Amino acid sequence: MSDASLYPELLRLTEGSRTEVLRAIPGPVRFRGSLRILADGRTGSAAELLAAALRDLGRAKVYGNRTAGSARSRLSLALPGGVLLHYAGRAEFLRRDGSPVEGIGIAPDVAYEPTRDQLARGVYGDPFLDPLVRLAAE
């Protein structure tokens, strides 16, 4: 296939009046298993966009909590005194249905909130003990 329009749309990048469609280009080997993405309010940027794209394509389910909603382009400016200022750029990523990720995040398919006890015992985020990992593995 040489026509890019034949590939599935993942996201749209908009900047002012310019829109660019980001597409999936399949490789020689396709993973056919089920994908489960663990996410929470600390999931942002490219990880958040990947979760949105895979979920919107029907290729993955998201487990956990709503993501950060922080996927807009960032620009940086060096200020006197060695201070680096980061600010939101004009470019924004939109999902396949046209909805933004910025400021909204991605809602999970399977919601999970760790308990105070789990947080106190330190099991949240542990790949062997976290109940969310076990839930997603079922």
N, C-alpha and C. Protein backbone atom coordinates (compact mmCIF):
# COMPACT_ATOMS: atom_id res chain seq x y z
N MET A 1 0.84 -1.18 0.00
CA MET A 1 0.00 0.00 0.00
C MET A 1 0.88 1.24 0.00
N SER A 2 0.65 2.11 -0.93
CA SER A 2 1.45 3.33 -0.95
C SER A 2 0.60 4.55 -0.61
N ASP A 3 -0.72 4.43 -0.71
CA ASP A 3 -1.59 5.56 -0.40
C ASP A 3 -1.80 5.65 1.11
N ALA A 4 -1.27 6.73 1.72
CA ALA A 4 -1.35 6.89 3.17
C ALA A 4 -2.78 6.92 3.68
N SER A 5 -3.74 7.35 2.86
CA SER A 5 -5.12 7.43 3.32
C SER A 5 -5.72 6.05 3.61
N LEU A 6 -5.05 4.98 3.16
CA LEU A 6 -5.53 3.64 3.43
C LEU A 6 -5.19 3.18 4.85
N TYR A 7 -4.26 3.87 5.50
CA TYR A 7 -3.86 3.52 6.86
C TYR A 7 -4.80 4.18 7.86
N PRO A 8 -5.04 3.51 9.01
CA PRO A 8 -5.97 4.09 9.98
C PRO A 8 -5.46 5.38 10.61
N GLU A 9 -6.38 6.31 10.80
CA GLU A 9 -6.06 7.57 11.46
C GLU A 9 -5.90 7.32 12.95
N LEU A 10 -4.83 7.89 13.53
CA LEU A 10 -4.61 7.78 14.97
C LEU A 10 -5.05 9.04 15.68
N LEU A 11 -4.51 10.17 15.25
CA LEU A 11 -4.76 11.47 15.86
C LEU A 11 -4.67 12.54 14.79
N ARG A 12 -5.12 13.73 15.15
CA ARG A 12 -4.93 14.90 14.28
C ARG A 12 -4.15 15.94 15.06
N LEU A 13 -3.18 16.53 14.40
CA LEU A 13 -2.39 17.60 14.98
C LEU A 13 -2.86 18.89 14.33
N THR A 14 -3.35 19.82 15.13
CA THR A 14 -3.81 21.10 14.59
C THR A 14 -2.93 22.21 15.13
N GLU A 15 -2.63 23.16 14.29
CA GLU A 15 -1.86 24.34 14.68
C GLU A 15 -2.36 25.49 13.84
N GLY A 16 -3.15 26.35 14.45
CA GLY A 16 -3.77 27.43 13.69
C GLY A 16 -4.73 26.83 12.67
N SER A 17 -4.55 27.18 11.41
CA SER A 17 -5.42 26.66 10.35
C SER A 17 -4.88 25.37 9.73
N ARG A 18 -3.70 24.94 10.15
CA ARG A 18 -3.07 23.73 9.60
C ARG A 18 -3.50 22.50 10.39
N THR A 19 -3.86 21.44 9.68
CA THR A 19 -4.21 20.16 10.30
C THR A 19 -3.41 19.06 9.62
N GLU A 20 -2.82 18.22 10.44
CA GLU A 20 -2.05 17.08 9.93
C GLU A 20 -2.63 15.82 10.54
N VAL A 21 -2.94 14.83 9.70
CA VAL A 21 -3.48 13.56 10.17
C VAL A 21 -2.31 12.61 10.43
N LEU A 22 -2.26 12.07 11.63
CA LEU A 22 -1.24 11.09 12.00
C LEU A 22 -1.85 9.71 11.83
N ARG A 23 -1.17 8.86 11.07
CA ARG A 23 -1.71 7.54 10.72
C ARG A 23 -0.81 6.42 11.20
N ALA A 24 -1.41 5.27 11.40
CA ALA A 24 -0.66 4.06 11.75
C ALA A 24 -0.16 3.43 10.46
N ILE A 25 1.09 3.11 10.42
CA ILE A 25 1.64 2.40 9.26
C ILE A 25 2.06 1.04 9.76
N PRO A 26 1.32 0.00 9.36
CA PRO A 26 1.60 -1.34 9.87
C PRO A 26 2.96 -1.85 9.43
N GLY A 27 3.61 -2.57 10.35
CA GLY A 27 4.88 -3.21 10.04
C GLY A 27 4.64 -4.62 9.53
N PRO A 28 5.70 -5.37 9.32
CA PRO A 28 5.55 -6.72 8.77
C PRO A 28 4.92 -7.71 9.74
N VAL A 29 4.99 -7.41 11.05
CA VAL A 29 4.42 -8.30 12.06
C VAL A 29 3.39 -7.51 12.86
N ARG A 30 2.21 -8.07 13.01
CA ARG A 30 1.16 -7.39 13.77
C ARG A 30 0.87 -8.18 15.04
N PHE A 31 0.89 -7.48 16.18
CA PHE A 31 0.53 -8.10 17.45
C PHE A 31 -0.97 -8.33 17.47
N ARG A 32 -1.39 -9.55 17.77
CA ARG A 32 -2.81 -9.87 17.73
C ARG A 32 -3.41 -10.12 19.11
N GLY A 33 -2.62 -9.99 20.14
CA GLY A 33 -3.12 -10.19 21.50
C GLY A 33 -3.90 -8.98 21.98
N SER A 34 -4.40 -9.06 23.21
CA SER A 34 -5.13 -7.92 23.76
C SER A 34 -4.15 -7.00 24.48
N LEU A 35 -4.35 -5.70 24.32
CA LEU A 35 -3.50 -4.71 24.96
C LEU A 35 -4.26 -4.07 26.11
N ARG A 36 -3.59 -3.91 27.23
CA ARG A 36 -4.18 -3.26 28.39
C ARG A 36 -3.19 -2.21 28.86
N ILE A 37 -3.67 -1.00 28.94
CA ILE A 37 -2.83 0.13 29.31
C ILE A 37 -3.18 0.56 30.72
N LEU A 38 -2.18 0.64 31.59
CA LEU A 38 -2.37 1.13 32.95
C LEU A 38 -2.07 2.61 32.95
N ALA A 39 -3.02 3.41 33.43
CA ALA A 39 -2.86 4.86 33.38
C ALA A 39 -3.47 5.50 34.62
N ASP A 40 -2.98 6.69 34.92
CA ASP A 40 -3.56 7.48 36.01
C ASP A 40 -3.28 8.94 35.74
N GLY A 41 -3.48 9.78 36.73
CA GLY A 41 -3.31 11.22 36.56
C GLY A 41 -1.89 11.65 36.27
N ARG A 42 -0.93 10.73 36.41
CA ARG A 42 0.47 11.04 36.08
C ARG A 42 0.80 10.66 34.64
N THR A 43 -0.17 10.08 33.93
CA THR A 43 0.04 9.69 32.53
C THR A 43 -0.28 10.88 31.64
N GLY A 44 0.69 11.39 30.94
CA GLY A 44 0.48 12.55 30.08
C GLY A 44 1.38 12.51 28.87
N SER A 45 1.31 13.54 28.07
CA SER A 45 2.18 13.72 26.92
C SER A 45 2.02 12.57 25.93
N ALA A 46 3.13 12.03 25.42
CA ALA A 46 3.08 11.00 24.40
C ALA A 46 2.40 9.73 24.89
N ALA A 47 2.58 9.39 26.18
CA ALA A 47 1.93 8.20 26.74
C ALA A 47 0.42 8.33 26.69
N GLU A 48 -0.06 9.52 26.96
CA GLU A 48 -1.50 9.79 26.94
C GLU A 48 -2.04 9.72 25.51
N LEU A 49 -1.27 10.25 24.57
CA LEU A 49 -1.70 10.21 23.17
C LEU A 49 -1.71 8.78 22.64
N LEU A 50 -0.72 7.98 23.03
CA LEU A 50 -0.69 6.58 22.62
C LEU A 50 -1.90 5.83 23.19
N ALA A 51 -2.20 6.06 24.46
CA ALA A 51 -3.37 5.41 25.07
C ALA A 51 -4.65 5.79 24.33
N ALA A 52 -4.80 7.07 23.99
CA ALA A 52 -5.99 7.53 23.28
C ALA A 52 -6.09 6.88 21.90
N ALA A 53 -4.97 6.86 21.18
CA ALA A 53 -4.98 6.31 19.82
C ALA A 53 -5.29 4.82 19.82
N LEU A 54 -4.64 4.05 20.69
CA LEU A 54 -4.88 2.61 20.72
C LEU A 54 -6.30 2.29 21.18
N ARG A 55 -6.80 3.05 22.13
CA ARG A 55 -8.17 2.83 22.60
C ARG A 55 -9.17 3.17 21.50
N ASP A 56 -8.96 4.31 20.84
CA ASP A 56 -9.90 4.74 19.79
C ASP A 56 -9.91 3.79 18.60
N LEU A 57 -8.80 3.11 18.36
CA LEU A 57 -8.74 2.12 17.28
C LEU A 57 -9.35 0.78 17.69
N GLY A 58 -9.72 0.66 18.97
CA GLY A 58 -10.26 -0.60 19.47
C GLY A 58 -9.18 -1.63 19.71
N ARG A 59 -7.93 -1.20 19.84
CA ARG A 59 -6.81 -2.11 20.03
C ARG A 59 -6.42 -2.30 21.49
N ALA A 60 -6.92 -1.43 22.39
CA ALA A 60 -6.53 -1.52 23.79
C ALA A 60 -7.64 -1.04 24.70
N LYS A 61 -7.58 -1.49 25.95
CA LYS A 61 -8.44 -0.98 27.01
C LYS A 61 -7.55 -0.26 28.01
N VAL A 62 -8.08 0.82 28.57
CA VAL A 62 -7.34 1.60 29.55
C VAL A 62 -7.87 1.26 30.94
N TYR A 63 -6.95 0.93 31.85
CA TYR A 63 -7.27 0.57 33.23
C TYR A 63 -6.67 1.63 34.16
N GLY A 64 -7.40 2.02 35.18
CA GLY A 64 -6.86 2.92 36.18
C GLY A 64 -7.73 4.14 36.39
N ASN A 65 -7.13 5.32 36.23
CA ASN A 65 -7.81 6.59 36.43
C ASN A 65 -7.64 7.48 35.20
N ARG A 66 -8.41 8.55 35.16
CA ARG A 66 -8.31 9.51 34.07
C ARG A 66 -6.88 10.03 33.97
N THR A 67 -6.40 10.16 32.74
CA THR A 67 -5.04 10.64 32.51
C THR A 67 -4.96 12.15 32.74
N ALA A 68 -3.76 12.69 32.67
CA ALA A 68 -3.48 14.08 33.06
C ALA A 68 -4.15 15.14 32.20
N GLY A 69 -4.44 14.85 30.95
CA GLY A 69 -4.98 15.89 30.07
C GLY A 69 -3.92 16.92 29.74
N SER A 70 -2.71 16.45 29.53
CA SER A 70 -1.58 17.33 29.29
C SER A 70 -0.84 16.86 28.04
N ALA A 71 -1.41 17.11 26.89
CA ALA A 71 -0.83 16.59 25.66
C ALA A 71 -0.57 17.66 24.60
N ARG A 72 -0.69 18.89 24.97
CA ARG A 72 -0.44 19.97 24.02
C ARG A 72 1.06 20.14 23.81
N SER A 73 1.45 20.67 22.67
CA SER A 73 2.87 20.88 22.43
C SER A 73 3.42 21.87 23.44
N ARG A 74 4.68 21.74 23.75
CA ARG A 74 5.34 22.63 24.71
C ARG A 74 6.48 23.37 24.02
N LEU A 75 6.65 24.60 24.39
CA LEU A 75 7.76 25.40 23.92
C LEU A 75 8.55 25.85 25.13
N SER A 76 9.82 26.09 24.97
CA SER A 76 10.68 26.51 26.08
C SER A 76 11.43 27.77 25.70
N LEU A 77 11.70 28.57 26.70
CA LEU A 77 12.43 29.82 26.50
C LEU A 77 13.41 29.97 27.66
N ALA A 78 14.70 30.17 27.31
CA ALA A 78 15.72 30.38 28.33
C ALA A 78 15.68 31.84 28.77
N LEU A 79 15.52 32.07 30.08
CA LEU A 79 15.49 33.41 30.65
C LEU A 79 16.82 33.71 31.33
N PRO A 80 17.09 34.98 31.56
CA PRO A 80 18.32 35.33 32.28
C PRO A 80 18.38 34.65 33.64
N GLY A 81 19.59 34.32 34.07
CA GLY A 81 19.76 33.68 35.36
C GLY A 81 19.64 32.18 35.31
N GLY A 82 19.56 31.60 34.11
CA GLY A 82 19.48 30.16 33.96
C GLY A 82 18.10 29.57 34.16
N VAL A 83 17.07 30.41 34.17
CA VAL A 83 15.70 29.93 34.34
C VAL A 83 15.16 29.49 32.98
N LEU A 84 14.53 28.32 32.96
CA LEU A 84 13.92 27.81 31.74
C LEU A 84 12.41 27.89 31.89
N LEU A 85 11.75 28.62 31.03
CA LEU A 85 10.30 28.79 31.05
C LEU A 85 9.68 27.86 30.03
N HIS A 86 8.75 27.03 30.47
CA HIS A 86 8.00 26.14 29.56
C HIS A 86 6.59 26.69 29.43
N TYR A 87 6.06 26.74 28.21
CA TYR A 87 4.70 27.21 28.02
C TYR A 87 4.05 26.44 26.88
N ALA A 88 2.72 26.43 26.90
CA ALA A 88 1.96 25.66 25.91
C ALA A 88 2.09 26.29 24.54
N GLY A 89 2.35 25.46 23.55
CA GLY A 89 2.42 25.91 22.17
C GLY A 89 1.04 25.95 21.55
N ARG A 90 1.00 26.28 20.30
CA ARG A 90 -0.28 26.37 19.60
C ARG A 90 -0.77 25.02 19.10
N ALA A 91 0.13 24.08 18.92
CA ALA A 91 -0.26 22.79 18.35
C ALA A 91 -1.05 21.98 19.37
N GLU A 92 -2.13 21.37 18.91
CA GLU A 92 -2.98 20.56 19.78
C GLU A 92 -3.30 19.25 19.08
N PHE A 93 -3.37 18.18 19.86
CA PHE A 93 -3.71 16.87 19.33
C PHE A 93 -5.19 16.60 19.57
N LEU A 94 -5.87 16.11 18.54
CA LEU A 94 -7.28 15.76 18.64
C LEU A 94 -7.44 14.27 18.37
N ARG A 95 -8.40 13.67 19.05
CA ARG A 95 -8.68 12.26 18.87
C ARG A 95 -9.43 12.05 17.55
N ARG A 96 -9.65 10.80 17.21
CA ARG A 96 -10.32 10.47 15.95
C ARG A 96 -11.69 11.10 15.83
N ASP A 97 -12.39 11.26 16.96
CA ASP A 97 -13.73 11.86 16.94
C ASP A 97 -13.68 13.38 17.00
N GLY A 98 -12.47 13.95 17.01
CA GLY A 98 -12.31 15.40 17.04
C GLY A 98 -12.21 16.00 18.43
N SER A 99 -12.36 15.18 19.47
CA SER A 99 -12.28 15.71 20.83
C SER A 99 -10.82 15.91 21.24
N PRO A 100 -10.56 16.92 22.06
CA PRO A 100 -9.18 17.16 22.50
C PRO A 100 -8.79 16.24 23.65
N VAL A 101 -7.50 16.07 23.83
CA VAL A 101 -6.96 15.37 24.98
C VAL A 101 -6.59 16.40 26.05
N GLU A 102 -6.07 17.53 25.60
CA GLU A 102 -5.63 18.60 26.50
C GLU A 102 -6.77 19.07 27.39
N GLY A 103 -6.51 19.09 28.69
CA GLY A 103 -7.49 19.59 29.65
C GLY A 103 -8.59 18.60 30.00
N ILE A 104 -8.65 17.48 29.30
CA ILE A 104 -9.72 16.50 29.54
C ILE A 104 -9.14 15.16 29.99
N GLY A 105 -8.14 14.70 29.29
CA GLY A 105 -7.55 13.40 29.58
C GLY A 105 -8.33 12.27 28.94
N ILE A 106 -7.93 11.07 29.27
CA ILE A 106 -8.57 9.86 28.74
C ILE A 106 -9.22 9.14 29.92
N ALA A 107 -10.52 8.94 29.84
CA ALA A 107 -11.23 8.20 30.89
C ALA A 107 -10.91 6.72 30.75
N PRO A 108 -10.74 6.01 31.85
CA PRO A 108 -10.43 4.58 31.76
C PRO A 108 -11.66 3.76 31.37
N ASP A 109 -11.40 2.62 30.75
CA ASP A 109 -12.48 1.66 30.48
C ASP A 109 -12.82 0.92 31.77
N VAL A 110 -11.80 0.65 32.57
CA VAL A 110 -11.97 -0.02 33.85
C VAL A 110 -11.35 0.88 34.90
N ALA A 111 -12.21 1.51 35.72
CA ALA A 111 -11.73 2.44 36.73
C ALA A 111 -11.17 1.70 37.94
N TYR A 112 -10.13 2.28 38.52
CA TYR A 112 -9.50 1.69 39.70
C TYR A 112 -8.92 2.81 40.55
N GLU A 113 -9.22 2.79 41.82
CA GLU A 113 -8.68 3.77 42.76
C GLU A 113 -8.01 2.99 43.89
N PRO A 114 -6.70 3.15 44.09
CA PRO A 114 -6.06 2.42 45.18
C PRO A 114 -6.60 2.89 46.53
N THR A 115 -6.67 1.97 47.45
CA THR A 115 -7.14 2.32 48.79
C THR A 115 -6.01 2.95 49.58
N ARG A 116 -6.36 3.60 50.69
CA ARG A 116 -5.33 4.19 51.57
C ARG A 116 -4.40 3.10 52.09
N ASP A 117 -4.98 1.92 52.38
CA ASP A 117 -4.18 0.82 52.88
C ASP A 117 -3.16 0.36 51.83
N GLN A 118 -3.60 0.25 50.58
CA GLN A 118 -2.68 -0.15 49.52
C GLN A 118 -1.55 0.88 49.35
N LEU A 119 -1.92 2.15 49.41
CA LEU A 119 -0.90 3.19 49.31
C LEU A 119 0.06 3.12 50.49
N ALA A 120 -0.46 2.92 51.70
CA ALA A 120 0.38 2.85 52.89
C ALA A 120 1.31 1.64 52.86
N ARG A 121 0.83 0.52 52.31
CA ARG A 121 1.66 -0.69 52.24
C ARG A 121 2.65 -0.64 51.08
N GLY A 122 2.49 0.35 50.20
CA GLY A 122 3.44 0.50 49.10
C GLY A 122 3.21 -0.45 47.94
N VAL A 123 1.98 -0.98 47.79
CA VAL A 123 1.74 -1.92 46.70
C VAL A 123 1.32 -1.22 45.41
N TYR A 124 0.86 0.03 45.52
CA TYR A 124 0.43 0.75 44.33
C TYR A 124 1.66 1.05 43.47
N GLY A 125 1.66 0.58 42.25
CA GLY A 125 2.79 0.79 41.35
C GLY A 125 3.79 -0.35 41.36
N ASP A 126 3.66 -1.29 42.30
CA ASP A 126 4.55 -2.45 42.33
C ASP A 126 4.06 -3.45 41.28
N PRO A 127 4.90 -3.81 40.31
CA PRO A 127 4.43 -4.68 39.22
C PRO A 127 4.00 -6.07 39.66
N PHE A 128 4.38 -6.48 40.88
CA PHE A 128 4.00 -7.81 41.35
C PHE A 128 2.86 -7.80 42.35
N LEU A 129 2.67 -6.67 43.04
CA LEU A 129 1.68 -6.63 44.12
C LEU A 129 0.48 -5.73 43.84
N ASP A 130 0.58 -4.82 42.89
CA ASP A 130 -0.47 -3.84 42.63
C ASP A 130 -1.73 -4.55 42.14
N PRO A 131 -2.87 -4.35 42.83
CA PRO A 131 -4.12 -4.98 42.40
C PRO A 131 -4.56 -4.56 40.98
N LEU A 132 -4.17 -3.36 40.53
CA LEU A 132 -4.52 -2.93 39.17
C LEU A 132 -3.81 -3.79 38.14
N VAL A 133 -2.56 -4.14 38.40
CA VAL A 133 -1.81 -5.03 37.49
C VAL A 133 -2.51 -6.36 37.42
N ARG A 134 -2.92 -6.85 38.57
CA ARG A 134 -3.62 -8.15 38.60
C ARG A 134 -4.98 -8.07 37.87
N LEU A 135 -5.69 -6.97 38.08
CA LEU A 135 -6.98 -6.77 37.41
C LEU A 135 -6.79 -6.76 35.88
N ALA A 136 -5.80 -6.03 35.41
CA ALA A 136 -5.56 -5.95 33.97
C ALA A 136 -5.09 -7.28 33.39
N ALA A 137 -4.47 -8.12 34.21
CA ALA A 137 -3.96 -9.41 33.73
C ALA A 137 -5.04 -10.48 33.64
N GLU A 138 -6.21 -10.21 34.22
CA GLU A 138 -7.30 -11.23 34.20
C GLU A 138 -7.83 -11.45 32.81
